[in-house]
Amino acid sequence: MDNSQKASYQAGETKGQTQEKANTMKDKAGNVAQSTKETVQRAGQPIQQKAAGATGAVKNATGMNK
């Protein structure tokens, strides 16, 4: 193998390693995004329940629930 072939091989190897690292980082970012989405959804549920309860209370108080 001459120097040109070695350089070409090393460049290809480096490119492959870079792509692998990029894919790993992309997967991690996707996992973080999904986790954040789930956390926000869980945090929003009690707020939605309280809002629904408040709406029901107003309807009951004003006689709109009958």
N, C-alpha and C. Protein backbone atom coordinates (compact mmCIF):
# COMPACT_ATOMS: atom_id res chain seq x y z
N MET A 1 0.85 -1.18 0.00
CA MET A 1 0.00 0.00 0.00
C MET A 1 0.89 1.24 0.00
N ASP A 2 0.67 2.11 -0.97
CA ASP A 2 1.49 3.33 -1.00
C ASP A 2 0.85 4.42 -0.14
N ASN A 3 1.55 5.53 -0.02
CA ASN A 3 1.10 6.62 0.85
C ASN A 3 -0.28 7.16 0.43
N SER A 4 -0.52 7.21 -0.86
CA SER A 4 -1.79 7.72 -1.37
C SER A 4 -2.94 6.81 -0.93
N GLN A 5 -2.71 5.50 -1.03
CA GLN A 5 -3.74 4.53 -0.62
C GLN A 5 -3.98 4.60 0.89
N LYS A 6 -2.90 4.75 1.65
CA LYS A 6 -3.03 4.85 3.11
C LYS A 6 -3.83 6.09 3.49
N ALA A 7 -3.52 7.21 2.84
CA ALA A 7 -4.22 8.46 3.13
C ALA A 7 -5.70 8.33 2.77
N SER A 8 -5.99 7.70 1.65
CA SER A 8 -7.36 7.50 1.22
C SER A 8 -8.10 6.61 2.20
N TYR A 9 -7.45 5.53 2.64
CA TYR A 9 -8.05 4.61 3.61
C TYR A 9 -8.33 5.34 4.93
N GLN A 10 -7.36 6.10 5.40
CA GLN A 10 -7.53 6.82 6.66
C GLN A 10 -8.64 7.87 6.56
N ALA A 11 -8.74 8.52 5.42
CA ALA A 11 -9.79 9.51 5.21
C ALA A 11 -11.16 8.84 5.25
N GLY A 12 -11.28 7.69 4.62
CA GLY A 12 -12.54 6.94 4.64
C GLY A 12 -12.88 6.47 6.03
N GLU A 13 -11.88 6.01 6.76
CA GLU A 13 -12.08 5.55 8.13
C GLU A 13 -12.55 6.71 9.03
N THR A 14 -11.92 7.85 8.87
CA THR A 14 -12.30 9.03 9.64
C THR A 14 -13.72 9.46 9.31
N LYS A 15 -14.07 9.43 8.03
CA LYS A 15 -15.42 9.80 7.61
C LYS A 15 -16.45 8.87 8.25
N GLY A 16 -16.16 7.59 8.25
CA GLY A 16 -17.07 6.61 8.86
C GLY A 16 -17.24 6.85 10.35
N GLN A 17 -16.15 7.14 11.03
CA GLN A 17 -16.22 7.40 12.47
C GLN A 17 -17.02 8.68 12.75
N THR A 18 -16.82 9.68 11.92
CA THR A 18 -17.54 10.95 12.08
C THR A 18 -19.04 10.74 11.88
N GLN A 19 -19.40 9.95 10.86
CA GLN A 19 -20.81 9.67 10.61
C GLN A 19 -21.42 8.90 11.78
N GLU A 20 -20.69 7.97 12.31
CA GLU A 20 -21.17 7.18 13.44
C GLU A 20 -21.40 8.07 14.66
N LYS A 21 -20.46 8.98 14.93
CA LYS A 21 -20.60 9.90 16.05
C LYS A 21 -21.80 10.83 15.83
N ALA A 22 -21.97 11.30 14.61
CA ALA A 22 -23.09 12.18 14.29
C ALA A 22 -24.42 11.46 14.49
N ASN A 23 -24.49 10.20 14.07
CA ASN A 23 -25.72 9.44 14.25
C ASN A 23 -26.00 9.20 15.73
N THR A 24 -24.97 8.95 16.50
CA THR A 24 -25.14 8.75 17.94
C THR A 24 -25.66 10.03 18.59
N MET A 25 -25.09 11.16 18.20
CA MET A 25 -25.53 12.44 18.76
C MET A 25 -26.97 12.74 18.35
N LYS A 26 -27.32 12.41 17.12
CA LYS A 26 -28.68 12.61 16.62
C LYS A 26 -29.66 11.76 17.42
N ASP A 27 -29.29 10.51 17.68
CA ASP A 27 -30.15 9.62 18.47
C ASP A 27 -30.33 10.17 19.88
N LYS A 28 -29.24 10.63 20.49
CA LYS A 28 -29.32 11.19 21.84
C LYS A 28 -30.22 12.43 21.86
N ALA A 29 -30.08 13.28 20.86
CA ALA A 29 -30.90 14.49 20.79
C ALA A 29 -32.37 14.11 20.64
N GLY A 30 -32.64 13.09 19.85
CA GLY A 30 -34.01 12.62 19.68
C GLY A 30 -34.58 12.09 20.99
N ASN A 31 -33.76 11.38 21.73
CA ASN A 31 -34.19 10.84 23.02
C ASN A 31 -34.49 11.97 24.01
N VAL A 32 -33.65 12.98 24.01
CA VAL A 32 -33.86 14.13 24.91
C VAL A 32 -35.15 14.85 24.52
N ALA A 33 -35.37 15.02 23.24
CA ALA A 33 -36.58 15.71 22.77
C ALA A 33 -37.82 14.92 23.18
N GLN A 34 -37.79 13.61 23.01
CA GLN A 34 -38.94 12.78 23.39
C GLN A 34 -39.18 12.84 24.89
N SER A 35 -38.12 12.78 25.66
CA SER A 35 -38.24 12.84 27.12
C SER A 35 -38.82 14.18 27.55
N THR A 36 -38.36 15.25 26.93
CA THR A 36 -38.87 16.58 27.25
C THR A 36 -40.36 16.69 26.91
N LYS A 37 -40.73 16.16 25.76
CA LYS A 37 -42.13 16.18 25.34
C LYS A 37 -43.00 15.45 26.36
N GLU A 38 -42.55 14.28 26.81
CA GLU A 38 -43.31 13.50 27.78
C GLU A 38 -43.41 14.24 29.11
N THR A 39 -42.34 14.88 29.52
CA THR A 39 -42.35 15.63 30.78
C THR A 39 -43.33 16.79 30.71
N VAL A 40 -43.33 17.50 29.59
CA VAL A 40 -44.24 18.63 29.42
C VAL A 40 -45.69 18.14 29.41
N GLN A 41 -45.93 17.01 28.76
CA GLN A 41 -47.29 16.46 28.74
C GLN A 41 -47.74 16.09 30.15
N ARG A 42 -46.85 15.46 30.91
CA ARG A 42 -47.20 15.07 32.29
C ARG A 42 -47.44 16.31 33.14
N ALA A 43 -46.64 17.34 32.95
CA ALA A 43 -46.81 18.57 33.72
C ALA A 43 -48.11 19.27 33.36
N GLY A 44 -48.53 19.17 32.12
CA GLY A 44 -49.74 19.83 31.66
C GLY A 44 -51.02 19.15 32.10
N GLN A 45 -50.97 17.85 32.39
CA GLN A 45 -52.18 17.12 32.75
C GLN A 45 -52.87 17.68 33.99
N PRO A 46 -52.16 17.93 35.08
CA PRO A 46 -52.85 18.49 36.26
C PRO A 46 -53.48 19.86 35.97
N ILE A 47 -52.82 20.64 35.14
CA ILE A 47 -53.36 21.96 34.79
C ILE A 47 -54.67 21.78 34.02
N GLN A 48 -54.69 20.84 33.08
CA GLN A 48 -55.91 20.58 32.32
C GLN A 48 -57.02 20.09 33.24
N GLN A 49 -56.67 19.22 34.18
CA GLN A 49 -57.67 18.69 35.11
C GLN A 49 -58.24 19.81 35.98
N LYS A 50 -57.37 20.70 36.46
CA LYS A 50 -57.83 21.82 37.29
C LYS A 50 -58.73 22.74 36.47
N ALA A 51 -58.36 22.98 35.24
CA ALA A 51 -59.17 23.85 34.38
C ALA A 51 -60.54 23.22 34.14
N ALA A 52 -60.56 21.91 33.89
CA ALA A 52 -61.83 21.23 33.68
C ALA A 52 -62.68 21.28 34.95
N GLY A 53 -62.04 21.11 36.11
CA GLY A 53 -62.75 21.20 37.38
C GLY A 53 -63.31 22.59 37.61
N ALA A 54 -62.55 23.59 37.29
CA ALA A 54 -63.00 24.97 37.46
C ALA A 54 -64.17 25.25 36.52
N THR A 55 -64.09 24.77 35.32
CA THR A 55 -65.20 24.96 34.36
C THR A 55 -66.46 24.29 34.88
N GLY A 56 -66.30 23.08 35.40
CA GLY A 56 -67.45 22.38 35.96
C GLY A 56 -68.04 23.12 37.15
N ALA A 57 -67.19 23.66 37.99
CA ALA A 57 -67.66 24.41 39.16
C ALA A 57 -68.44 25.66 38.73
N VAL A 58 -67.95 26.35 37.72
CA VAL A 58 -68.64 27.54 37.22
C VAL A 58 -69.99 27.14 36.63
N LYS A 59 -70.01 26.07 35.87
CA LYS A 59 -71.27 25.60 35.28
C LYS A 59 -72.26 25.23 36.36
N ASN A 60 -71.80 24.55 37.40
CA ASN A 60 -72.67 24.18 38.51
C ASN A 60 -73.19 25.42 39.23
N ALA A 61 -72.31 26.36 39.47
CA ALA A 61 -72.69 27.57 40.20
C ALA A 61 -73.67 28.41 39.42
N THR A 62 -73.58 28.40 38.11
CA THR A 62 -74.47 29.24 37.29
C THR A 62 -75.68 28.48 36.80
N GLY A 63 -75.75 27.20 37.11
CA GLY A 63 -76.90 26.39 36.68
C GLY A 63 -76.82 25.93 35.24
N MET A 64 -75.67 26.05 34.60
CA MET A 64 -75.51 25.65 33.20
C MET A 64 -75.37 24.14 33.05
N ASN A 65 -75.14 23.42 34.13
CA ASN A 65 -74.93 21.97 34.06
C ASN A 65 -76.25 21.20 34.06
N LYS A 66 -77.36 21.88 34.17
CA LYS A 66 -78.66 21.20 34.27
C LYS A 66 -79.25 20.93 32.94
